[in-house]
Structure formats: structure tokens, C-alpha cells
Amino acid sequence: MNLSLEAQVAIGFGVVVFAVLIFLSRSVYRRLPKRMKQLRNQQKWSELQKFCKKPETWPDAVIAADKLLDDILKRRRFKGKSMGERIVSAQRTLSDNDAVWFAHNLAKKTKEDDAPQLKEGDVKKALLGFRQALRDLGALQHGNK
């Protein structure tokens, strides 16, 4: 099938325009923050709350909450090589920095100690701090417990 010169030019022009549009859409898409998937985060939060039933699993709850917050900070593209640096980058977004630092430090101590003895009050305070940070970052809805 022989195409006229005009048809060949039109097809070539269309291919070039299409390629440019794909390139532009990808570069713009990369610069946008990733959409927070609140339902998935809520499911993860519900799963880690199951660890709160027994004192033996409280450390697992604190560590899982710390990991969830770090994952969200990374997805929201807060700068920093460590979680602590990412918390500092996010401090203007967080409504209770002291609670987040308390929670993160408790998680770090828990990771370092093989059999930590956590107090119920400390675990509750830490989980409330993590939950508020996740809400501030848009990872959890404000009405969820």
C-alpha cells in the first residue's frame, strides 16, 4: 500500500506528537507526590493494633507503627537518610512533634532491646503519637481510631 507524501508526513508528525506527550506526562507524573492510599494504611494500622491485646506483643505494635510512619514519610518524599532526618523534614506538617519523637525513640529502644518491658502508658502514648502523625500526613482519615 503506497501512501501519499502528505499522509506519510501526517503519520510521522502524529508519532512525534504522541511521543512528546508521553514523555511530558511521565515527567510531570514523577514530580507529583504519590497518592496516599488511606484504605491500605488503615488496614495496616488495624493489623498492628491487634498486637496491643497482650503485653508480650506491645513491642511489635510500636515497631510496626514506626515502620508504617517511615514508609509514609518516604512515599511523601520527605528528605533524609534516616527516619529521624525525615521527621525533622516533616516537622512543619506534624501537629505534635514531641509525641512523634517520643514514639520514634521508644521504637528505637525497643528494637535495640531483645526483651523490652514496656509500660502500658508509654505504648498508648507512642501509638497515639504515631496515629496523629499519620493523620497529619494524610495517611489515615481523622475519624479513624
C-alpha atoms as a PDB file:
ATOM      1  CA  MET A   1       0.000   0.000   0.000  1.00  0.00           C
ATOM      2  CA  ASN A   2       1.530   3.278  -1.107  1.00  0.00           C
ATOM      3  CA  LEU A   3       0.729   6.358   0.948  1.00  0.00           C
ATOM      4  CA  SER A   4       0.955   9.835  -0.400  1.00  0.00           C
ATOM      5  CA  LEU A   5       3.702  12.111   0.855  1.00  0.00           C
ATOM      6  CA  GLU A   6       1.153  14.163   2.819  1.00  0.00           C
ATOM      7  CA  ALA A   7      -0.149  11.033   4.573  1.00  0.00           C
ATOM      8  CA  GLN A   8       3.394   9.934   5.471  1.00  0.00           C
ATOM      9  CA  VAL A   9       4.191  13.399   6.884  1.00  0.00           C
ATOM     10  CA  ALA A  10       0.936  13.416   8.864  1.00  0.00           C
ATOM     11  CA  ILE A  11       1.645   9.971  10.329  1.00  0.00           C
ATOM     12  CA  GLY A  12       5.229  10.968  11.190  1.00  0.00           C
ATOM     13  CA  PHE A  13       4.037  14.177  12.803  1.00  0.00           C
ATOM     14  CA  GLY A  14       1.430  12.225  14.795  1.00  0.00           C
ATOM     15  CA  VAL A  15       4.026   9.776  16.070  1.00  0.00           C
ATOM     16  CA  VAL A  16       6.332  12.610  17.172  1.00  0.00           C
ATOM     17  CA  VAL A  17       3.486  14.448  18.947  1.00  0.00           C
ATOM     18  CA  PHE A  18       2.432  11.218  20.647  1.00  0.00           C
ATOM     19  CA  ALA A  19       5.995  10.535  21.857  1.00  0.00           C
ATOM     20  CA  VAL A  20       6.359  14.075  23.203  1.00  0.00           C
ATOM     21  CA  LEU A  21       3.049  13.794  25.080  1.00  0.00           C
ATOM     22  CA  ILE A  22       4.094  10.518  26.678  1.00  0.00           C
ATOM     23  CA  PHE A  23       7.447  11.990  27.728  1.00  0.00           C
ATOM     24  CA  LEU A  24       5.821  15.097  29.227  1.00  0.00           C
ATOM     25  CA  SER A  25       3.133  13.172  31.063  1.00  0.00           C
ATOM     26  CA  ARG A  26       5.735  10.868  32.636  1.00  0.00           C
ATOM     27  CA  SER A  27       7.976  13.713  33.772  1.00  0.00           C
ATOM     28  CA  VAL A  28       5.018  15.613  35.250  1.00  0.00           C
ATOM     29  CA  TYR A  29       3.711  12.434  36.918  1.00  0.00           C
ATOM     30  CA  ARG A  30       7.073  11.795  38.601  1.00  0.00           C
ATOM     31  CA  ARG A  31       7.032  15.221  40.219  1.00  0.00           C
ATOM     32  CA  LEU A  32       3.610  14.772  41.781  1.00  0.00           C
ATOM     33  CA  PRO A  33       3.523  13.283  45.289  1.00  0.00           C
ATOM     34  CA  LYS A  34       2.233   9.735  45.312  1.00  0.00           C
ATOM     35  CA  ARG A  35      -1.412   9.461  46.242  1.00  0.00           C
ATOM     36  CA  MET A  36      -1.916   8.275  49.776  1.00  0.00           C
ATOM     37  CA  LYS A  37      -3.836   5.050  49.916  1.00  0.00           C
ATOM     38  CA  GLN A  38      -5.751   5.564  53.127  1.00  0.00           C
ATOM     39  CA  LEU A  39      -7.608   2.267  52.992  1.00  0.00           C
ATOM     40  CA  ARG A  40      -4.385   0.246  52.774  1.00  0.00           C
ATOM     41  CA  ASN A  41      -2.834   2.305  55.562  1.00  0.00           C
ATOM     42  CA  GLN A  42      -5.960   1.856  57.688  1.00  0.00           C
ATOM     43  CA  GLN A  43      -5.717  -1.913  57.207  1.00  0.00           C
ATOM     44  CA  LYS A  44      -2.066  -1.866  58.274  1.00  0.00           C
ATOM     45  CA  TRP A  45      -2.989   0.249  61.304  1.00  0.00           C
ATOM     46  CA  SER A  46      -5.764  -2.193  62.249  1.00  0.00           C
ATOM     47  CA  GLU A  47      -3.353  -5.118  61.922  1.00  0.00           C
ATOM     48  CA  LEU A  48      -0.776  -3.547  64.211  1.00  0.00           C
ATOM     49  CA  GLN A  49      -3.475  -2.708  66.781  1.00  0.00           C
ATOM     50  CA  LYS A  50      -4.014  -6.462  67.207  1.00  0.00           C
ATOM     51  CA  PHE A  51      -0.578  -6.537  68.850  1.00  0.00           C
ATOM     52  CA  CYS A  52      -1.961  -4.376  71.667  1.00  0.00           C
ATOM     53  CA  LYS A  53      -4.002  -7.225  73.155  1.00  0.00           C
ATOM     54  CA  LYS A  54      -1.072  -8.819  75.017  1.00  0.00           C
ATOM     55  CA  PRO A  55       1.860  -7.117  76.772  1.00  0.00           C
ATOM     56  CA  GLU A  56       4.251  -9.575  75.096  1.00  0.00           C
ATOM     57  CA  THR A  57       3.350  -8.185  71.673  1.00  0.00           C
ATOM     58  CA  TRP A  58       3.378  -4.476  72.571  1.00  0.00           C
ATOM     59  CA  PRO A  59       6.919  -4.104  71.186  1.00  0.00           C
ATOM     60  CA  ASP A  60       5.678  -5.475  67.849  1.00  0.00           C
ATOM     61  CA  ALA A  61       2.931  -2.827  67.759  1.00  0.00           C
ATOM     62  CA  VAL A  62       5.363   0.023  68.421  1.00  0.00           C
ATOM     63  CA  ILE A  63       7.888  -1.235  65.856  1.00  0.00           C
ATOM     64  CA  ALA A  64       5.188  -1.795  63.212  1.00  0.00           C
ATOM     65  CA  ALA A  65       3.795   1.714  63.759  1.00  0.00           C
ATOM     66  CA  ASP A  66       7.295   3.184  63.450  1.00  0.00           C
ATOM     67  CA  LYS A  67       7.850   1.309  60.181  1.00  0.00           C
ATOM     68  CA  LEU A  68       4.464   2.439  58.826  1.00  0.00           C
ATOM     69  CA  LEU A  69       5.269   6.081  59.598  1.00  0.00           C
ATOM     70  CA  ASP A  70       8.693   5.777  57.963  1.00  0.00           C
ATOM     71  CA  ASP A  71       7.118   4.248  54.846  1.00  0.00           C
ATOM     72  CA  ILE A  72       4.674   7.164  54.636  1.00  0.00           C
ATOM     73  CA  LEU A  73       7.444   9.729  55.118  1.00  0.00           C
ATOM     74  CA  LYS A  74       9.381   8.110  52.266  1.00  0.00           C
ATOM     75  CA  ARG A  75       6.317   7.982  49.991  1.00  0.00           C
ATOM     76  CA  ARG A  76       5.604  11.644  50.721  1.00  0.00           C
ATOM     77  CA  ARG A  77       9.232  12.260  49.718  1.00  0.00           C
ATOM     78  CA  PHE A  78      10.484  13.927  52.885  1.00  0.00           C
ATOM     79  CA  LYS A  79      14.251  14.274  52.643  1.00  0.00           C
ATOM     80  CA  GLY A  80      16.663  12.440  54.889  1.00  0.00           C
ATOM     81  CA  LYS A  81      18.879   9.386  55.064  1.00  0.00           C
ATOM     82  CA  SER A  82      17.382   8.213  58.346  1.00  0.00           C
ATOM     83  CA  MET A  83      13.895   8.280  59.765  1.00  0.00           C
ATOM     84  CA  GLY A  84      14.990  10.920  62.261  1.00  0.00           C
ATOM     85  CA  GLU A  85      16.066  13.211  59.427  1.00  0.00           C
ATOM     86  CA  ARG A  86      12.758  12.603  57.648  1.00  0.00           C
ATOM     87  CA  ILE A  87      10.848  13.511  60.840  1.00  0.00           C
ATOM     88  CA  VAL A  88      12.810  16.764  61.015  1.00  0.00           C
ATOM     89  CA  SER A  89      11.925  17.451  57.361  1.00  0.00           C
ATOM     90  CA  ALA A  90       8.250  16.836  58.145  1.00  0.00           C
ATOM     91  CA  GLN A  91       8.093  18.785  61.414  1.00  0.00           C
ATOM     92  CA  ARG A  92       6.089  21.661  59.941  1.00  0.00           C
ATOM     93  CA  THR A  93       3.496  19.176  58.713  1.00  0.00           C
ATOM     94  CA  LEU A  94       3.213  17.381  62.069  1.00  0.00           C
ATOM     95  CA  SER A  95       0.947  18.838  64.734  1.00  0.00           C
ATOM     96  CA  ASP A  96       2.685  17.199  67.735  1.00  0.00           C
ATOM     97  CA  ASN A  97       6.413  16.799  67.126  1.00  0.00           C
ATOM     98  CA  ASP A  98       7.124  15.837  70.748  1.00  0.00           C
ATOM     99  CA  ALA A  99       4.717  12.892  70.565  1.00  0.00           C
ATOM    100  CA  VAL A 100       6.280  11.698  67.298  1.00  0.00           C
ATOM    101  CA  TRP A 101       9.777  11.896  68.751  1.00  0.00           C
ATOM    102  CA  PHE A 102       8.667  10.073  71.913  1.00  0.00           C
ATOM    103  CA  ALA A 103       7.129   7.323  69.781  1.00  0.00           C
ATOM    104  CA  HIS A 104      10.119   7.010  67.456  1.00  0.00           C
ATOM    105  CA  ASN A 105      12.603   6.917  70.347  1.00  0.00           C
ATOM    106  CA  LEU A 106      10.540   4.243  72.104  1.00  0.00           C
ATOM    107  CA  ALA A 107      10.563   2.197  68.895  1.00  0.00           C
ATOM    108  CA  LYS A 108      14.351   2.579  68.580  1.00  0.00           C
ATOM    109  CA  LYS A 109      14.875   1.447  72.187  1.00  0.00           C
ATOM    110  CA  THR A 110      12.503  -1.457  71.607  1.00  0.00           C
ATOM    111  CA  LYS A 111      14.438  -2.576  68.524  1.00  0.00           C
ATOM    112  CA  GLU A 112      17.743  -2.440  70.424  1.00  0.00           C
ATOM    113  CA  ASP A 113      16.490  -4.400  73.461  1.00  0.00           C
ATOM    114  CA  ASP A 114      15.780  -8.108  72.925  1.00  0.00           C
ATOM    115  CA  ALA A 115      13.066  -8.386  75.584  1.00  0.00           C
ATOM    116  CA  PRO A 116      11.878  -4.885  76.454  1.00  0.00           C
ATOM    117  CA  GLN A 117       9.489  -4.332  79.341  1.00  0.00           C
ATOM    118  CA  LEU A 118       7.173  -1.629  78.069  1.00  0.00           C
ATOM    119  CA  LYS A 119       4.723   0.251  80.215  1.00  0.00           C
ATOM    120  CA  GLU A 120       1.135   0.359  79.028  1.00  0.00           C
ATOM    121  CA  GLY A 121       1.063   4.149  79.290  1.00  0.00           C
ATOM    122  CA  ASP A 122       4.172   4.508  77.134  1.00  0.00           C
ATOM    123  CA  VAL A 123       2.770   2.189  74.470  1.00  0.00           C
ATOM    124  CA  LYS A 124      -0.515   4.113  74.359  1.00  0.00           C
ATOM    125  CA  LYS A 125       1.298   7.453  74.189  1.00  0.00           C
ATOM    126  CA  ALA A 126       3.543   6.206  71.390  1.00  0.00           C
ATOM    127  CA  LEU A 127       0.683   4.771  69.332  1.00  0.00           C
ATOM    128  CA  LEU A 128      -1.328   7.970  69.750  1.00  0.00           C
ATOM    129  CA  GLY A 129       1.710   9.941  68.544  1.00  0.00           C
ATOM    130  CA  PHE A 130       2.157   7.687  65.526  1.00  0.00           C
ATOM    131  CA  ARG A 131      -1.573   7.833  64.702  1.00  0.00           C
ATOM    132  CA  GLN A 132      -1.652  11.628  64.844  1.00  0.00           C
ATOM    133  CA  ALA A 133       1.427  11.859  62.609  1.00  0.00           C
ATOM    134  CA  LEU A 134      -0.176   9.504  60.089  1.00  0.00           C
ATOM    135  CA  ARG A 135      -3.315  11.645  60.130  1.00  0.00           C
ATOM    136  CA  ASP A 136      -1.277  14.829  59.693  1.00  0.00           C
ATOM    137  CA  LEU A 137       0.421  13.279  56.655  1.00  0.00           C
ATOM    138  CA  GLY A 138      -2.912  12.252  55.133  1.00  0.00           C
ATOM    139  CA  ALA A 139      -2.246   8.531  55.512  1.00  0.00           C
ATOM    140  CA  LEU A 140      -5.183   7.975  57.880  1.00  0.00           C
ATOM    141  CA  GLN A 141      -8.525   9.706  57.967  1.00  0.00           C
ATOM    142  CA  HIS A 142      -9.124  11.857  61.036  1.00  0.00           C
ATOM    143  CA  GLY A 143     -12.201   9.922  62.118  1.00  0.00           C
ATOM    144  CA  ASN A 144     -10.469   6.532  62.343  1.00  0.00           C
ATOM    145  CA  LYS A 145      -9.330   5.064  65.643  1.00  0.00           C
END
